[in-house]
PDB file of N, CA and C in Angstrom:
ATOM      1  N   MET A   1       8.625  -2.931  17.487  1.00  0.00           N
ATOM      2  CA  MET A   1       9.469  -1.881  16.580  1.00  0.00           C
ATOM      3  C   MET A   1      10.341  -2.006  16.508  1.00  0.00           C
ATOM      4  N   LYS A   2      11.301  -2.469  17.469  1.00  0.00           N
ATOM      5  CA  LYS A   2      12.877  -2.463  17.422  1.00  0.00           C
ATOM      6  C   LYS A   2      13.205  -3.331  16.647  1.00  0.00           C
ATOM      7  N   ARG A   3      12.522  -4.449  15.884  1.00  0.00           N
ATOM      8  CA  ARG A   3      12.864  -5.174  14.896  1.00  0.00           C
ATOM      9  C   ARG A   3      12.754  -4.790  13.913  1.00  0.00           C
ATOM     10  N   SER A   4      12.078  -4.254  13.363  1.00  0.00           N
ATOM     11  CA  SER A   4      11.570  -3.601  12.272  1.00  0.00           C
ATOM     12  C   SER A   4      12.606  -2.373  11.954  1.00  0.00           C
ATOM     13  N   ASP A   5      13.162  -1.323  13.278  1.00  0.00           N
ATOM     14  CA  ASP A   5      14.544  -0.525  12.957  1.00  0.00           C
ATOM     15  C   ASP A   5      15.583  -1.226  13.214  1.00  0.00           C
ATOM     16  N   GLU A   6      15.570  -2.493  13.228  1.00  0.00           N
ATOM     17  CA  GLU A   6      16.758  -3.374  13.166  1.00  0.00           C
ATOM     18  C   GLU A   6      17.333  -3.871  11.838  1.00  0.00           C
ATOM     19  N   MET A   7      15.681  -4.183  11.076  1.00  0.00           N
ATOM     20  CA  MET A   7      15.773  -4.556   9.513  1.00  0.00           C
ATOM     21  C   MET A   7      16.071  -3.379   8.968  1.00  0.00           C
ATOM     22  N   ILE A   8      15.472  -2.303   9.043  1.00  0.00           N
ATOM     23  CA  ILE A   8      15.656  -1.080   8.285  1.00  0.00           C
ATOM     24  C   ILE A   8      17.287  -0.812   8.261  1.00  0.00           C
ATOM     25  N   GLU A   9      17.772  -0.674   9.299  1.00  0.00           N
ATOM     26  CA  GLU A   9      19.759  -0.109   9.434  1.00  0.00           C
ATOM     27  C   GLU A   9      20.302  -1.416   8.636  1.00  0.00           C
ATOM     28  N   MET A  10      19.733  -2.646   8.646  1.00  0.00           N
ATOM     29  CA  MET A  10      20.255  -3.811   7.701  1.00  0.00           C
ATOM     30  C   MET A  10      20.128  -3.136   6.457  1.00  0.00           C
ATOM     31  N   LEU A  11      19.088  -3.139   6.115  1.00  0.00           N
ATOM     32  CA  LEU A  11      18.989  -2.623   4.704  1.00  0.00           C
ATOM     33  C   LEU A  11      19.905  -1.556   3.858  1.00  0.00           C
ATOM     34  N   VAL A  12      19.826  -0.466   4.858  1.00  0.00           N
ATOM     35  CA  VAL A  12      20.241   0.545   4.832  1.00  0.00           C
ATOM     36  C   VAL A  12      21.514   0.486   4.963  1.00  0.00           C
ATOM     37  N   SER A  13      22.156  -0.384   5.442  1.00  0.00           N
ATOM     38  CA  SER A  13      23.795  -0.284   5.166  1.00  0.00           C
ATOM     39  C   SER A  13      24.155  -1.165   4.288  1.00  0.00           C
ATOM     40  N   SER A  14      23.146  -1.768   3.477  1.00  0.00           N
ATOM     41  CA  SER A  14      23.750  -3.233   2.809  1.00  0.00           C
ATOM     42  C   SER A  14      23.889  -2.328   1.295  1.00  0.00           C
ATOM     43  N   VAL A  15      23.155  -1.041   1.383  1.00  0.00           N
ATOM     44  CA  VAL A  15      23.615  -0.490  -0.121  1.00  0.00           C
ATOM     45  C   VAL A  15      24.861  -0.055  -0.622  1.00  0.00           C
ATOM     46  N   ARG A  16      25.273   0.156  -1.616  1.00  0.00           N
ATOM     47  CA  ARG A  16      26.562   0.115  -2.164  1.00  0.00           C
ATOM     48  C   ARG A  16      27.465   1.585  -1.571  1.00  0.00           C
ATOM     49  N   GLU A  17      28.850   1.344  -1.416  1.00  0.00           N
ATOM     50  CA  GLU A  17      29.368   2.244  -0.524  1.00  0.00           C
ATOM     51  C   GLU A  17      29.378   3.758  -0.903  1.00  0.00           C
ATOM     52  N   ASP A  18      29.016   3.619  -2.344  1.00  0.00           N
ATOM     53  CA  ASP A  18      29.382   5.262  -2.622  1.00  0.00           C
ATOM     54  C   ASP A  18      27.876   6.107  -3.066  1.00  0.00           C
ATOM     55  N   THR A  19      26.704   5.195  -2.155  1.00  0.00           N
ATOM     56  CA  THR A  19      25.420   5.647  -1.993  1.00  0.00           C
ATOM     57  C   THR A  19      25.303   6.994  -0.876  1.00  0.00           C
ATOM     58  N   SER A  20      25.112   8.208  -1.516  1.00  0.00           N
ATOM     59  CA  SER A  20      25.241   9.238  -0.088  1.00  0.00           C
ATOM     60  C   SER A  20      24.519   9.180   0.854  1.00  0.00           C
ATOM     61  N   GLU A  21      24.979  10.063   1.906  1.00  0.00           N
ATOM     62  CA  GLU A  21      24.313   9.729   3.184  1.00  0.00           C
ATOM     63  C   GLU A  21      22.727  10.363   3.127  1.00  0.00           C
ATOM     64  N   ARG A  22      22.431  11.353   2.239  1.00  0.00           N
ATOM     65  CA  ARG A  22      21.282  12.107   1.730  1.00  0.00           C
ATOM     66  C   ARG A  22      20.483  10.965   1.436  1.00  0.00           C
ATOM     67  N   ASP A  23      21.172  10.100   0.128  1.00  0.00           N
ATOM     68  CA  ASP A  23      20.066   9.342  -0.272  1.00  0.00           C
ATOM     69  C   ASP A  23      19.679   8.048   0.618  1.00  0.00           C
ATOM     70  N   LYS A  24      20.458   7.509   1.731  1.00  0.00           N
ATOM     71  CA  LYS A  24      20.524   6.643   2.715  1.00  0.00           C
ATOM     72  C   LYS A  24      19.284   6.953   3.478  1.00  0.00           C
ATOM     73  N   ALA A  25      19.707   8.713   3.584  1.00  0.00           N
ATOM     74  CA  ALA A  25      18.250   9.165   5.167  1.00  0.00           C
ATOM     75  C   ALA A  25      16.768   9.001   4.015  1.00  0.00           C
ATOM     76  N   VAL A  26      16.825   9.276   2.423  1.00  0.00           N
ATOM     77  CA  VAL A  26      15.775   8.929   1.980  1.00  0.00           C
ATOM     78  C   VAL A  26      15.220   7.824   2.247  1.00  0.00           C
ATOM     79  N   LEU A  27      16.038   6.595   1.975  1.00  0.00           N
ATOM     80  CA  LEU A  27      15.684   5.416   1.823  1.00  0.00           C
ATOM     81  C   LEU A  27      15.224   4.605   3.231  1.00  0.00           C
ATOM     82  N   ARG A  28      15.797   5.210   4.252  1.00  0.00           N
ATOM     83  CA  ARG A  28      15.650   4.908   5.978  1.00  0.00           C
ATOM     84  C   ARG A  28      13.855   5.600   5.944  1.00  0.00           C
ATOM     85  N   ARG A  29      13.744   7.046   5.479  1.00  0.00           N
ATOM     86  CA  ARG A  29      12.140   7.247   5.797  1.00  0.00           C
ATOM     87  C   ARG A  29      11.205   6.341   4.794  1.00  0.00           C
ATOM     88  N   VAL A  30      11.634   6.352   3.468  1.00  0.00           N
ATOM     89  CA  VAL A  30      10.669   5.180   2.921  1.00  0.00           C
ATOM     90  C   VAL A  30      10.693   4.022   3.792  1.00  0.00           C
ATOM     91  N   LEU A  31      11.472   2.913   3.742  1.00  0.00           N
ATOM     92  CA  LEU A  31      11.315   2.032   4.580  1.00  0.00           C
ATOM     93  C   LEU A  31      10.150   2.315   5.820  1.00  0.00           C
ATOM     94  N   CYS A  32      10.791   3.482   6.658  1.00  0.00           N
ATOM     95  CA  CYS A  32       9.964   3.614   8.144  1.00  0.00           C
ATOM     96  C   CYS A  32       8.308   3.765   7.431  1.00  0.00           C
ATOM     97  N   GLU A  33       8.110   4.267   6.635  1.00  0.00           N
ATOM     98  CA  GLU A  33       6.791   4.768   6.175  1.00  0.00           C
ATOM     99  C   GLU A  33       6.348   3.768   5.799  1.00  0.00           C
ATOM    100  N   LEU A  34       6.606   2.643   4.958  1.00  0.00           N
ATOM    101  CA  LEU A  34       6.552   0.863   4.578  1.00  0.00           C
ATOM    102  C   LEU A  34       5.971   0.324   5.644  1.00  0.00           C
ATOM    103  N   VAL A  35       7.039   0.559   6.929  1.00  0.00           N
ATOM    104  CA  VAL A  35       6.628  -0.468   8.014  1.00  0.00           C
ATOM    105  C   VAL A  35       5.340   0.076   8.378  1.00  0.00           C
ATOM    106  N   ARG A  36       5.138   1.429   8.534  1.00  0.00           N
ATOM    107  CA  ARG A  36       3.870   2.312   8.986  1.00  0.00           C
ATOM    108  C   ARG A  36       2.667   1.711   8.820  1.00  0.00           C
ATOM    109  N   VAL A  37       2.572   2.126   7.404  1.00  0.00           N
ATOM    110  CA  VAL A  37       1.606   1.337   6.486  1.00  0.00           C
ATOM    111  C   VAL A  37       0.775   0.189   6.879  1.00  0.00           C
ATOM    112  N   ALA A  38       2.183  -0.705   6.910  1.00  0.00           N
ATOM    113  CA  ALA A  38       1.805  -2.226   6.696  1.00  0.00           C
ATOM    114  C   ALA A  38       1.288  -2.422   8.162  1.00  0.00           C
ATOM    115  N   GLN A  39       1.855  -1.797   9.214  1.00  0.00           N
ATOM    116  CA  GLN A  39       1.514  -1.737  10.447  1.00  0.00           C
ATOM    117  C   GLN A  39      -0.127  -1.546  11.087  1.00  0.00           C
ATOM    118  N   ALA A  40      -0.185  -0.487  10.158  1.00  0.00           N
ATOM    119  CA  ALA A  40      -1.788   0.203  10.415  1.00  0.00           C
ATOM    120  C   ALA A  40      -2.712  -0.726   9.442  1.00  0.00           C
ATOM    121  N   GLU A  41      -2.411  -1.171   8.196  1.00  0.00           N
ATOM    122  CA  GLU A  41      -3.206  -2.314   7.336  1.00  0.00           C
ATOM    123  C   GLU A  41      -3.486  -3.238   8.057  1.00  0.00           C
ATOM    124  N   SER A  42      -2.514  -3.817   8.879  1.00  0.00           N
ATOM    125  CA  SER A  42      -2.260  -5.071   9.673  1.00  0.00           C
ATOM    126  C   SER A  42      -3.644  -4.935  10.972  1.00  0.00           C
ATOM    127  N   VAL A  43      -3.623  -3.505  11.466  1.00  0.00           N
ATOM    128  CA  VAL A  43      -4.482  -3.687  12.813  1.00  0.00           C
ATOM    129  C   VAL A  43      -5.859  -3.513  12.121  1.00  0.00           C
ATOM    130  N   GLN A  44      -5.854  -2.788  11.048  1.00  0.00           N
ATOM    131  CA  GLN A  44      -7.467  -2.682   9.987  1.00  0.00           C
ATOM    132  C   GLN A  44      -8.058  -3.901  10.046  1.00  0.00           C
ATOM    133  N   SER A  45      -7.300  -4.903   9.525  1.00  0.00           N
ATOM    134  CA  SER A  45      -7.574  -6.303   9.354  1.00  0.00           C
ATOM    135  C   SER A  45      -8.085  -7.134  10.561  1.00  0.00           C
ATOM    136  N   ILE A  46      -7.019  -6.777  11.600  1.00  0.00           N
ATOM    137  CA  ILE A  46      -7.704  -7.698  12.923  1.00  0.00           C
ATOM    138  C   ILE A  46      -8.673  -7.029  13.334  1.00  0.00           C
ATOM    139  N   GLU A  47      -8.905  -5.433  13.265  1.00  0.00           N
ATOM    140  CA  GLU A  47     -10.257  -5.200  13.923  1.00  0.00           C
ATOM    141  C   GLU A  47     -11.188  -5.098  13.269  1.00  0.00           C
ATOM    142  N   ALA A  48     -11.445  -5.560  11.791  1.00  0.00           N
ATOM    143  CA  ALA A  48     -11.961  -5.935  10.885  1.00  0.00           C
ATOM    144  C   ALA A  48     -12.854  -7.346  11.050  1.00  0.00           C
ATOM    145  N   ASP A  49     -11.530  -8.334  11.472  1.00  0.00           N
ATOM    146  CA  ASP A  49     -11.838  -9.659  11.958  1.00  0.00           C
ATOM    147  C   ASP A  49     -12.848  -9.932  13.297  1.00  0.00           C
ATOM    148  N   LEU A  50     -12.374  -9.104  14.054  1.00  0.00           N
ATOM    149  CA  LEU A  50     -13.152  -8.915  15.637  1.00  0.00           C
ATOM    150  C   LEU A  50     -14.570  -8.490  15.107  1.00  0.00           C
ATOM    151  N   ARG A  51     -14.661  -7.562  14.768  1.00  0.00           N
ATOM    152  CA  ARG A  51     -16.238  -7.092  14.571  1.00  0.00           C
ATOM    153  C   ARG A  51     -17.020  -8.145  13.986  1.00  0.00           C
ATOM    154  N   ALA A  52     -16.067  -8.870  12.707  1.00  0.00           N
ATOM    155  CA  ALA A  52     -17.367 -10.161  12.245  1.00  0.00           C
ATOM    156  C   ALA A  52     -17.555 -11.206  13.263  1.00  0.00           C
ATOM    157  N   VAL A  53     -15.971 -11.509  14.347  1.00  0.00           N
ATOM    158  CA  VAL A  53     -16.849 -12.510  14.991  1.00  0.00           C
ATOM    159  C   VAL A  53     -17.507 -11.782  16.175  1.00  0.00           C
ATOM    160  N   GLU A  54     -17.706 -10.977  16.333  1.00  0.00           N
ATOM    161  CA  GLU A  54     -18.449  -9.982  17.746  1.00  0.00           C
ATOM    162  C   GLU A  54     -20.117 -10.246  16.993  1.00  0.00           C
ATOM    163  N   MET A  55     -19.802 -10.060  15.464  1.00  0.00           N
ATOM    164  CA  MET A  55     -21.416  -9.916  14.815  1.00  0.00           C
ATOM    165  C   MET A  55     -22.199 -11.927  14.552  1.00  0.00           C
ATOM    166  N   ALA A  56     -20.972 -12.227  14.423  1.00  0.00           N
ATOM    167  CA  ALA A  56     -21.291 -13.552  14.407  1.00  0.00           C
ATOM    168  C   ALA A  56     -22.137 -14.188  15.732  1.00  0.00           C
ATOM    169  N   ILE A  57     -21.316 -13.441  17.089  1.00  0.00           N
ATOM    170  CA  ILE A  57     -21.545 -14.105  17.956  1.00  0.00           C
ATOM    171  C   ILE A  57     -22.408 -13.552  18.580  1.00  0.00           C
ATOM    172  N   SER A  58     -22.924 -12.081  18.537  1.00  0.00           N
ATOM    173  CA  SER A  58     -24.399 -12.044  18.909  1.00  0.00           C
ATOM    174  C   SER A  58     -25.588 -12.177  17.739  1.00  0.00           C
ATOM    175  N   SER A  59     -25.377 -12.686  16.690  1.00  0.00           N
ATOM    176  CA  SER A  59     -26.212 -12.974  15.841  1.00  0.00           C
ATOM    177  C   SER A  59     -26.647 -14.475  16.282  1.00  0.00           C
ATOM    178  N   LYS A  60     -25.469 -15.344  16.728  1.00  0.00           N
ATOM    179  CA  LYS A  60     -26.064 -16.572  17.415  1.00  0.00           C
ATOM    180  C   LYS A  60     -26.691 -17.016  18.785  1.00  0.00           C
ATOM    181  N   TYR A  61     -26.367 -15.431  19.683  1.00  0.00           N
ATOM    182  CA  TYR A  61     -26.897 -15.219  20.777  1.00  0.00           C
ATOM    183  C   TYR A  61     -28.445 -14.834  20.415  1.00  0.00           C
ATOM    184  N   ARG A  62     -28.754 -14.287  19.667  1.00  0.00           N
ATOM    185  CA  ARG A  62     -29.964 -13.519  19.359  1.00  0.00           C
ATOM    186  C   ARG A  62     -31.345 -14.358  18.831  1.00  0.00           C
ATOM    187  N   HIS A  63     -30.659 -15.301  18.239  1.00  0.00           N
ATOM    188  CA  HIS A  63     -31.460 -16.708  17.781  1.00  0.00           C
ATOM    189  C   HIS A  63     -31.958 -17.289  18.786  1.00  0.00           C
TER     190      HIS A  63
END
């Protein structure tokens, strides 16, 4: 998560100088939410892969 936080801060700090603090805060929240969703989807994908492997192993040993 630390790396994501660092990347978010880098992106927020790279916006135009005349961007308001409020807009920067909104951008920061949106980026944090995107990271959270991406991490959740990654976990779901890994869990699905593990379930598939578990099913394949159990079917192999049933025969």
